Amino acid sequence: MASRPIRIPGPDHPIAISRSDAHVVVRAGGKVIADTRRAIELREASYPPVFYIPRADADMTLLERTDHASYCPYKGEASYFSIRGGAENAVWSYEAPYAAVADIRGHLAFYPDRVEAIAISR
């Protein structure tokens, strides 16, 4: 198997990570899946911003790990979770992210179109 490319964020593909002061609540299946005031906001190139939520602020009993995986040359290997009784592969996590984005380790991100709502208040 060929090794995967590792790329460093830069002017051609910027990635900015910052602590957010937003209150982020994720709901699915009529339940609160995550509720935090400790989210990290990741802005990558021209993609919409993504809030990464500490696992400690998510109800992990409502999530089930799947075998699905993906790869980003800037962040590394992503693992996925489905919402029990709900959307498949709705949540992703970089459990061993590359050094340039190490702050997202231990956090979860949610696909907005696979949950009922991601409410953000500032």
C-alpha atoms as a PDB file:
ATOM      1  CA  MET A   1       0.000   0.000   0.000  1.00  0.00           C
ATOM      2  CA  ALA A   2       1.369   3.407  -0.946  1.00  0.00           C
ATOM      3  CA  SER A   3       1.881   5.918   1.835  1.00  0.00           C
ATOM      4  CA  ARG A   4      -0.644   8.689   2.063  1.00  0.00           C
ATOM      5  CA  PRO A   5       0.396  12.263   1.397  1.00  0.00           C
ATOM      6  CA  ILE A   6       0.738  14.608   4.350  1.00  0.00           C
ATOM      7  CA  ARG A   7       0.265  18.292   3.587  1.00  0.00           C
ATOM      8  CA  ILE A   8       0.926  21.323   5.737  1.00  0.00           C
ATOM      9  CA  PRO A   9      -1.678  24.106   5.775  1.00  0.00           C
ATOM     10  CA  GLY A  10      -0.430  27.269   4.082  1.00  0.00           C
ATOM     11  CA  PRO A  11      -1.487  30.131   1.812  1.00  0.00           C
ATOM     12  CA  ASP A  12      -2.838  27.745  -0.833  1.00  0.00           C
ATOM     13  CA  HIS A  13      -4.890  25.783   1.739  1.00  0.00           C
ATOM     14  CA  PRO A  14      -5.197  27.699   5.020  1.00  0.00           C
ATOM     15  CA  ILE A  15      -6.513  26.117   8.212  1.00  0.00           C
ATOM     16  CA  ALA A  16      -7.228  28.270  11.251  1.00  0.00           C
ATOM     17  CA  ILE A  17      -8.265  26.799  14.597  1.00  0.00           C
ATOM     18  CA  SER A  18      -9.583  28.924  17.438  1.00  0.00           C
ATOM     19  CA  ARG A  19     -11.394  28.441  20.714  1.00  0.00           C
ATOM     20  CA  SER A  20     -14.982  29.549  20.313  1.00  0.00           C
ATOM     21  CA  ASP A  21     -17.026  31.478  22.846  1.00  0.00           C
ATOM     22  CA  ALA A  22     -20.220  30.141  21.240  1.00  0.00           C
ATOM     23  CA  HIS A  23     -22.712  27.909  22.995  1.00  0.00           C
ATOM     24  CA  VAL A  24     -23.151  24.932  20.639  1.00  0.00           C
ATOM     25  CA  VAL A  25     -25.991  22.433  21.067  1.00  0.00           C
ATOM     26  CA  VAL A  26     -26.448  19.464  18.732  1.00  0.00           C
ATOM     27  CA  ARG A  27     -29.826  17.687  18.631  1.00  0.00           C
ATOM     28  CA  ALA A  28     -30.812  14.469  16.887  1.00  0.00           C
ATOM     29  CA  GLY A  29     -33.709  12.080  17.382  1.00  0.00           C
ATOM     30  CA  GLY A  30     -35.321  14.526  19.795  1.00  0.00           C
ATOM     31  CA  LYS A  31     -32.311  14.336  22.136  1.00  0.00           C
ATOM     32  CA  VAL A  32     -29.401  16.592  22.940  1.00  0.00           C
ATOM     33  CA  ILE A  33     -26.343  14.801  21.607  1.00  0.00           C
ATOM     34  CA  ALA A  34     -23.837  17.490  22.592  1.00  0.00           C
ATOM     35  CA  ASP A  35     -23.909  20.735  24.568  1.00  0.00           C
ATOM     36  CA  THR A  36     -20.781  22.826  25.015  1.00  0.00           C
ATOM     37  CA  ARG A  37     -19.297  26.243  25.573  1.00  0.00           C
ATOM     38  CA  ARG A  38     -15.830  24.811  24.854  1.00  0.00           C
ATOM     39  CA  ALA A  39     -16.037  24.202  21.111  1.00  0.00           C
ATOM     40  CA  ILE A  40     -13.147  24.689  18.746  1.00  0.00           C
ATOM     41  CA  GLU A  41     -13.896  26.391  15.444  1.00  0.00           C
ATOM     42  CA  LEU A  42     -11.934  25.132  12.453  1.00  0.00           C
ATOM     43  CA  ARG A  43     -11.867  27.227   9.284  1.00  0.00           C
ATOM     44  CA  GLU A  44     -10.369  25.416   6.331  1.00  0.00           C
ATOM     45  CA  ALA A  45      -9.803  26.995   2.917  1.00  0.00           C
ATOM     46  CA  SER A  46     -13.167  27.898   1.362  1.00  0.00           C
ATOM     47  CA  TYR A  47     -15.189  25.314   3.339  1.00  0.00           C
ATOM     48  CA  PRO A  48     -17.832  26.406   5.866  1.00  0.00           C
ATOM     49  CA  PRO A  49     -16.513  26.626   9.456  1.00  0.00           C
ATOM     50  CA  VAL A  50     -16.816  23.445  11.524  1.00  0.00           C
ATOM     51  CA  PHE A  51     -17.311  23.341  15.287  1.00  0.00           C
ATOM     52  CA  TYR A  52     -15.414  20.532  17.006  1.00  0.00           C
ATOM     53  CA  ILE A  53     -16.956  19.603  20.357  1.00  0.00           C
ATOM     54  CA  PRO A  54     -15.028  17.993  23.223  1.00  0.00           C
ATOM     55  CA  ARG A  55     -16.071  14.365  23.690  1.00  0.00           C
ATOM     56  CA  ALA A  56     -16.645  15.126  27.367  1.00  0.00           C
ATOM     57  CA  ASP A  57     -19.471  17.464  26.295  1.00  0.00           C
ATOM     58  CA  ALA A  58     -21.210  14.861  24.117  1.00  0.00           C
ATOM     59  CA  ASP A  59     -23.439  12.008  25.237  1.00  0.00           C
ATOM     60  CA  MET A  60     -21.274   9.199  23.878  1.00  0.00           C
ATOM     61  CA  THR A  61     -23.937   6.623  24.895  1.00  0.00           C
ATOM     62  CA  LEU A  62     -26.029   7.964  21.988  1.00  0.00           C
ATOM     63  CA  LEU A  63     -23.228   7.338  19.486  1.00  0.00           C
ATOM     64  CA  GLU A  64     -21.988   4.102  17.983  1.00  0.00           C
ATOM     65  CA  ARG A  65     -18.590   3.755  16.294  1.00  0.00           C
ATOM     66  CA  THR A  66     -18.718   2.529  12.699  1.00  0.00           C
ATOM     67  CA  ASP A  67     -16.135   0.962  10.403  1.00  0.00           C
ATOM     68  CA  HIS A  68     -16.277   3.951   8.061  1.00  0.00           C
ATOM     69  CA  ALA A  69     -13.081   6.001   7.719  1.00  0.00           C
ATOM     70  CA  SER A  70     -11.826   8.821   5.538  1.00  0.00           C
ATOM     71  CA  TYR A  71      -8.538  10.583   5.006  1.00  0.00           C
ATOM     72  CA  CYS A  72      -7.591  14.244   4.768  1.00  0.00           C
ATOM     73  CA  PRO A  73      -3.981  15.020   3.815  1.00  0.00           C
ATOM     74  CA  TYR A  74      -4.083  18.072   6.138  1.00  0.00           C
ATOM     75  CA  LYS A  75      -5.728  16.476   9.175  1.00  0.00           C
ATOM     76  CA  GLY A  76      -5.169  12.713   8.941  1.00  0.00           C
ATOM     77  CA  GLU A  77      -7.447   9.700   9.321  1.00  0.00           C
ATOM     78  CA  ALA A  78     -11.030  10.334  10.463  1.00  0.00           C
ATOM     79  CA  SER A  79     -13.156   7.782  12.263  1.00  0.00           C
ATOM     80  CA  TYR A  80     -16.948   7.915  12.333  1.00  0.00           C
ATOM     81  CA  PHE A  81     -19.910   7.418  14.626  1.00  0.00           C
ATOM     82  CA  SER A  82     -23.586   6.900  13.901  1.00  0.00           C
ATOM     83  CA  ILE A  83     -26.336   8.231  16.106  1.00  0.00           C
ATOM     84  CA  ARG A  84     -28.098   5.272  17.735  1.00  0.00           C
ATOM     85  CA  GLY A  85     -31.473   4.890  16.076  1.00  0.00           C
ATOM     86  CA  GLY A  86     -30.637   7.756  13.735  1.00  0.00           C
ATOM     87  CA  ALA A  87     -28.266   8.933  11.060  1.00  0.00           C
ATOM     88  CA  GLU A  88     -25.407   6.736   9.941  1.00  0.00           C
ATOM     89  CA  ASN A  89     -21.874   8.198  10.009  1.00  0.00           C
ATOM     90  CA  ALA A  90     -23.219  11.537  11.232  1.00  0.00           C
ATOM     91  CA  VAL A  91     -20.198  12.312  13.407  1.00  0.00           C
ATOM     92  CA  TRP A  92     -16.480  12.286  12.697  1.00  0.00           C
ATOM     93  CA  SER A  93     -13.357  12.563  14.791  1.00  0.00           C
ATOM     94  CA  TYR A  94      -9.622  12.806  14.154  1.00  0.00           C
ATOM     95  CA  GLU A  95      -8.260  10.679  16.965  1.00  0.00           C
ATOM     96  CA  ALA A  96      -4.624  11.115  15.928  1.00  0.00           C
ATOM     97  CA  PRO A  97      -4.627  14.357  13.922  1.00  0.00           C
ATOM     98  CA  TYR A  98      -1.506  15.728  12.303  1.00  0.00           C
ATOM     99  CA  ALA A  99       0.549  18.206  14.334  1.00  0.00           C
ATOM    100  CA  ALA A 100      -0.739  21.268  12.455  1.00  0.00           C
ATOM    101  CA  VAL A 101      -4.279  20.558  13.695  1.00  0.00           C
ATOM    102  CA  ALA A 102      -3.508  18.754  16.960  1.00  0.00           C
ATOM    103  CA  ASP A 103      -6.049  20.898  18.857  1.00  0.00           C
ATOM    104  CA  ILE A 104      -8.944  18.879  17.380  1.00  0.00           C
ATOM    105  CA  ARG A 105      -7.788  15.669  19.094  1.00  0.00           C
ATOM    106  CA  GLY A 106     -10.483  14.428  21.489  1.00  0.00           C
ATOM    107  CA  HIS A 107     -13.235  16.352  19.691  1.00  0.00           C
ATOM    108  CA  LEU A 108     -16.240  15.440  17.546  1.00  0.00           C
ATOM    109  CA  ALA A 109     -17.741  17.180  14.534  1.00  0.00           C
ATOM    110  CA  PHE A 110     -21.293  16.722  13.230  1.00  0.00           C
ATOM    111  CA  TYR A 111     -22.671  16.805   9.685  1.00  0.00           C
ATOM    112  CA  PRO A 112     -25.382  19.511   9.786  1.00  0.00           C
ATOM    113  CA  ASP A 113     -27.565  17.606   7.315  1.00  0.00           C
ATOM    114  CA  ARG A 114     -27.513  14.408   9.419  1.00  0.00           C
ATOM    115  CA  VAL A 115     -28.732  15.894  12.712  1.00  0.00           C
ATOM    116  CA  GLU A 116     -31.908  17.830  13.557  1.00  0.00           C
ATOM    117  CA  ALA A 117     -30.058  20.984  14.484  1.00  0.00           C
ATOM    118  CA  ILE A 118     -26.755  22.507  15.413  1.00  0.00           C
ATOM    119  CA  ALA A 119     -27.734  25.584  17.420  1.00  0.00           C
ATOM    120  CA  ILE A 120     -25.016  28.195  17.832  1.00  0.00           C
ATOM    121  CA  SER A 121     -25.503  31.200  20.075  1.00  0.00           C
ATOM    122  CA  ARG A 122     -22.905  33.823  20.847  1.00  0.00           C
END
